[in-house]
Amino acid sequence: MEYFLGLATGLVLGVGLTLAAVKFKSLFKNSEVKQLREEVRSLKRRIEEKDRHVARMLSETEKLVQGLSRVKHSPPSQLQ
């Protein structure tokens, strides 16, 4: 009987200490996870801004190319 009582007590203490250790560890881990999530959010926002900038520059370049192709293909003016 004492053997089973000791086994049960050890099991309860083992589980309790394990859960306490996990909770204690998660307190410090959450702050790091929180910082990493904020950093990821910030990086995603910067990537979106850069994508918008690249798209705007690409559209402006396409407009310039169209304008230059019109100038190049138009017949020369008769200034003589």
N, C-alpha and C. Protein backbone atom coordinates (compact mmCIF):
# COMPACT_ATOMS: atom_id res chain seq x y z
N MET A 1 0.83 -1.20 0.00
CA MET A 1 0.00 0.00 0.00
C MET A 1 0.87 1.26 0.00
N GLU A 2 1.91 1.26 0.80
CA GLU A 2 2.80 2.41 0.85
C GLU A 2 3.50 2.61 -0.49
N TYR A 3 3.78 1.51 -1.18
CA TYR A 3 4.43 1.59 -2.48
C TYR A 3 3.54 2.35 -3.48
N PHE A 4 2.27 1.99 -3.55
CA PHE A 4 1.34 2.64 -4.48
C PHE A 4 1.09 4.10 -4.08
N LEU A 5 1.05 4.36 -2.77
CA LEU A 5 0.87 5.73 -2.30
C LEU A 5 2.08 6.58 -2.69
N GLY A 6 3.27 6.05 -2.54
CA GLY A 6 4.50 6.75 -2.94
C GLY A 6 4.57 6.95 -4.44
N LEU A 7 4.15 5.93 -5.20
CA LEU A 7 4.14 6.02 -6.66
C LEU A 7 3.16 7.10 -7.14
N ALA A 8 1.99 7.11 -6.54
CA ALA A 8 0.98 8.11 -6.91
C ALA A 8 1.45 9.51 -6.53
N THR A 9 2.02 9.65 -5.37
CA THR A 9 2.53 10.96 -4.93
C THR A 9 3.64 11.44 -5.87
N GLY A 10 4.53 10.55 -6.23
CA GLY A 10 5.63 10.90 -7.15
C GLY A 10 5.09 11.30 -8.52
N LEU A 11 4.09 10.57 -8.98
CA LEU A 11 3.49 10.88 -10.27
C LEU A 11 2.84 12.27 -10.26
N VAL A 12 2.08 12.54 -9.20
CA VAL A 12 1.42 13.85 -9.08
C VAL A 12 2.45 14.97 -8.98
N LEU A 13 3.47 14.77 -8.19
CA LEU A 13 4.52 15.80 -8.07
C LEU A 13 5.27 15.98 -9.38
N GLY A 14 5.55 14.90 -10.06
CA GLY A 14 6.25 14.98 -11.35
C GLY A 14 5.45 15.75 -12.38
N VAL A 15 4.18 15.44 -12.49
CA VAL A 15 3.32 16.14 -13.44
C VAL A 15 3.18 17.61 -13.05
N GLY A 16 2.99 17.86 -11.76
CA GLY A 16 2.84 19.24 -11.28
C GLY A 16 4.08 20.07 -11.53
N LEU A 17 5.24 19.52 -11.23
CA LEU A 17 6.49 20.26 -11.47
C LEU A 17 6.74 20.47 -12.96
N THR A 18 6.38 19.49 -13.77
CA THR A 18 6.55 19.64 -15.22
C THR A 18 5.67 20.77 -15.74
N LEU A 19 4.41 20.78 -15.33
CA LEU A 19 3.51 21.85 -15.77
C LEU A 19 3.99 23.22 -15.28
N ALA A 20 4.48 23.27 -14.05
CA ALA A 20 4.99 24.54 -13.51
C ALA A 20 6.21 25.00 -14.31
N ALA A 21 7.10 24.08 -14.67
CA ALA A 21 8.28 24.44 -15.45
C ALA A 21 7.89 24.94 -16.84
N VAL A 22 6.90 24.31 -17.45
CA VAL A 22 6.44 24.74 -18.77
C VAL A 22 5.86 26.15 -18.69
N LYS A 23 5.06 26.41 -17.68
CA LYS A 23 4.47 27.75 -17.52
C LYS A 23 5.56 28.80 -17.29
N PHE A 24 6.53 28.47 -16.45
CA PHE A 24 7.61 29.39 -16.13
C PHE A 24 8.43 29.70 -17.39
N LYS A 25 8.71 28.67 -18.16
CA LYS A 25 9.48 28.83 -19.39
C LYS A 25 8.71 29.66 -20.42
N SER A 26 7.41 29.45 -20.49
CA SER A 26 6.60 30.16 -21.48
C SER A 26 6.51 31.65 -21.16
N LEU A 27 6.67 32.03 -19.90
CA LEU A 27 6.65 33.45 -19.55
C LEU A 27 7.77 34.20 -20.25
N PHE A 28 8.94 33.60 -20.30
CA PHE A 28 10.08 34.24 -20.94
C PHE A 28 10.06 34.03 -22.45
N LYS A 29 9.51 32.93 -22.87
CA LYS A 29 9.47 32.63 -24.29
C LYS A 29 8.47 33.53 -25.01
N ASN A 30 7.38 33.86 -24.38
CA ASN A 30 6.36 34.68 -25.03
C ASN A 30 6.88 36.05 -25.40
N SER A 31 7.73 36.61 -24.57
CA SER A 31 8.24 37.94 -24.89
C SER A 31 9.10 37.87 -26.15
N GLU A 32 9.88 36.82 -26.30
CA GLU A 32 10.69 36.66 -27.51
C GLU A 32 9.80 36.41 -28.73
N VAL A 33 8.81 35.58 -28.55
CA VAL A 33 7.88 35.30 -29.64
C VAL A 33 7.15 36.57 -30.04
N LYS A 34 6.78 37.36 -29.07
CA LYS A 34 6.08 38.62 -29.35
C LYS A 34 6.97 39.56 -30.16
N GLN A 35 8.23 39.65 -29.79
CA GLN A 35 9.16 40.51 -30.52
C GLN A 35 9.34 40.02 -31.95
N LEU A 36 9.46 38.71 -32.13
CA LEU A 36 9.63 38.16 -33.46
C LEU A 36 8.39 38.39 -34.33
N ARG A 37 7.21 38.27 -33.74
CA ARG A 37 5.98 38.52 -34.49
C ARG A 37 5.91 39.97 -34.94
N GLU A 38 6.28 40.88 -34.06
CA GLU A 38 6.28 42.30 -34.42
C GLU A 38 7.28 42.58 -35.52
N GLU A 39 8.44 41.93 -35.44
CA GLU A 39 9.46 42.11 -36.47
C GLU A 39 8.96 41.57 -37.82
N VAL A 40 8.31 40.43 -37.81
CA VAL A 40 7.77 39.85 -39.05
C VAL A 40 6.71 40.78 -39.63
N ARG A 41 5.85 41.31 -38.78
CA ARG A 41 4.81 42.23 -39.23
C ARG A 41 5.44 43.47 -39.87
N SER A 42 6.48 43.99 -39.23
CA SER A 42 7.16 45.16 -39.75
C SER A 42 7.82 44.86 -41.10
N LEU A 43 8.45 43.70 -41.21
CA LEU A 43 9.11 43.34 -42.46
C LEU A 43 8.10 43.14 -43.59
N LYS A 44 6.95 42.55 -43.28
CA LYS A 44 5.91 42.37 -44.29
C LYS A 44 5.41 43.73 -44.78
N ARG A 45 5.24 44.67 -43.86
CA ARG A 45 4.78 46.00 -44.23
C ARG A 45 5.81 46.68 -45.13
N ARG A 46 7.09 46.55 -44.81
CA ARG A 46 8.14 47.16 -45.63
C ARG A 46 8.18 46.53 -47.01
N ILE A 47 7.99 45.21 -47.09
CA ILE A 47 7.98 44.53 -48.39
C ILE A 47 6.82 45.03 -49.24
N GLU A 48 5.65 45.18 -48.62
CA GLU A 48 4.49 45.70 -49.36
C GLU A 48 4.74 47.10 -49.88
N GLU A 49 5.37 47.95 -49.06
CA GLU A 49 5.69 49.31 -49.49
C GLU A 49 6.66 49.28 -50.67
N LYS A 50 7.65 48.43 -50.60
CA LYS A 50 8.63 48.33 -51.69
C LYS A 50 7.98 47.77 -52.95
N ASP A 51 7.07 46.81 -52.80
CA ASP A 51 6.35 46.29 -53.96
C ASP A 51 5.53 47.38 -54.64
N ARG A 52 4.85 48.21 -53.85
CA ARG A 52 4.08 49.31 -54.43
C ARG A 52 5.00 50.29 -55.16
N HIS A 53 6.16 50.57 -54.56
CA HIS A 53 7.11 51.49 -55.17
C HIS A 53 7.63 50.91 -56.50
N VAL A 54 7.97 49.63 -56.52
CA VAL A 54 8.46 48.99 -57.74
C VAL A 54 7.38 49.00 -58.82
N ALA A 55 6.15 48.73 -58.43
CA ALA A 55 5.05 48.74 -59.40
C ALA A 55 4.85 50.13 -59.98
N ARG A 56 4.95 51.15 -59.14
CA ARG A 56 4.81 52.53 -59.61
C ARG A 56 5.95 52.89 -60.57
N MET A 57 7.17 52.52 -60.23
CA MET A 57 8.30 52.80 -61.09
C MET A 57 8.18 52.05 -62.42
N LEU A 58 7.69 50.82 -62.38
CA LEU A 58 7.50 50.04 -63.60
C LEU A 58 6.45 50.68 -64.51
N SER A 59 5.37 51.15 -63.93
CA SER A 59 4.34 51.79 -64.76
C SER A 59 4.86 53.08 -65.37
N GLU A 60 5.64 53.84 -64.61
CA GLU A 60 6.22 55.07 -65.16
C GLU A 60 7.21 54.76 -66.27
N THR A 61 7.98 53.71 -66.11
CA THR A 61 8.94 53.31 -67.15
C THR A 61 8.21 52.88 -68.41
N GLU A 62 7.12 52.15 -68.24
CA GLU A 62 6.33 51.74 -69.41
C GLU A 62 5.75 52.94 -70.14
N LYS A 63 5.30 53.94 -69.40
CA LYS A 63 4.79 55.15 -70.03
C LYS A 63 5.89 55.87 -70.81
N LEU A 64 7.09 55.92 -70.22
CA LEU A 64 8.21 56.56 -70.92
C LEU A 64 8.56 55.81 -72.20
N VAL A 65 8.56 54.48 -72.13
CA VAL A 65 8.88 53.68 -73.31
C VAL A 65 7.84 53.89 -74.39
N GLN A 66 6.57 53.95 -74.02
CA GLN A 66 5.51 54.20 -75.00
C GLN A 66 5.68 55.57 -75.64
N GLY A 67 5.99 56.55 -74.83
CA GLY A 67 6.20 57.90 -75.36
C GLY A 67 7.40 57.95 -76.30
N LEU A 68 8.48 57.28 -75.93
CA LEU A 68 9.66 57.27 -76.79
C LEU A 68 9.41 56.49 -78.08
N SER A 69 8.63 55.43 -78.01
CA SER A 69 8.35 54.66 -79.22
C SER A 69 7.47 55.47 -80.17
N ARG A 70 6.56 56.28 -79.66
CA ARG A 70 5.74 57.15 -80.51
C ARG A 70 6.61 58.19 -81.21
N VAL A 71 7.54 58.76 -80.46
CA VAL A 71 8.43 59.77 -81.03
C VAL A 71 9.31 59.13 -82.10
N LYS A 72 9.79 57.95 -81.86
CA LYS A 72 10.70 57.28 -82.78
C LYS A 72 9.97 56.84 -84.05
N HIS A 73 8.73 56.42 -83.98
CA HIS A 73 7.99 55.90 -85.11
C HIS A 73 7.23 56.99 -85.88
N SER A 74 7.14 58.16 -85.34
CA SER A 74 6.41 59.21 -86.05
C SER A 74 7.28 59.73 -87.21
N PRO A 75 6.64 60.16 -88.29
CA PRO A 75 7.42 60.64 -89.44
C PRO A 75 8.14 61.91 -89.09
N PRO A 76 9.31 62.08 -89.65
CA PRO A 76 10.07 63.31 -89.34
C PRO A 76 9.33 64.53 -89.84
N SER A 77 9.42 65.60 -89.11
CA SER A 77 8.76 66.84 -89.48
C SER A 77 9.52 67.48 -90.64
N GLN A 78 8.81 68.18 -91.44
CA GLN A 78 9.43 68.81 -92.60
C GLN A 78 9.73 70.26 -92.28
N LEU A 79 10.87 70.46 -91.69
CA LEU A 79 11.29 71.81 -91.30
C LEU A 79 12.08 72.48 -92.40
N GLN A 80 12.44 71.79 -93.46
CA GLN A 80 13.31 72.36 -94.49
C GLN A 80 12.60 73.22 -95.46
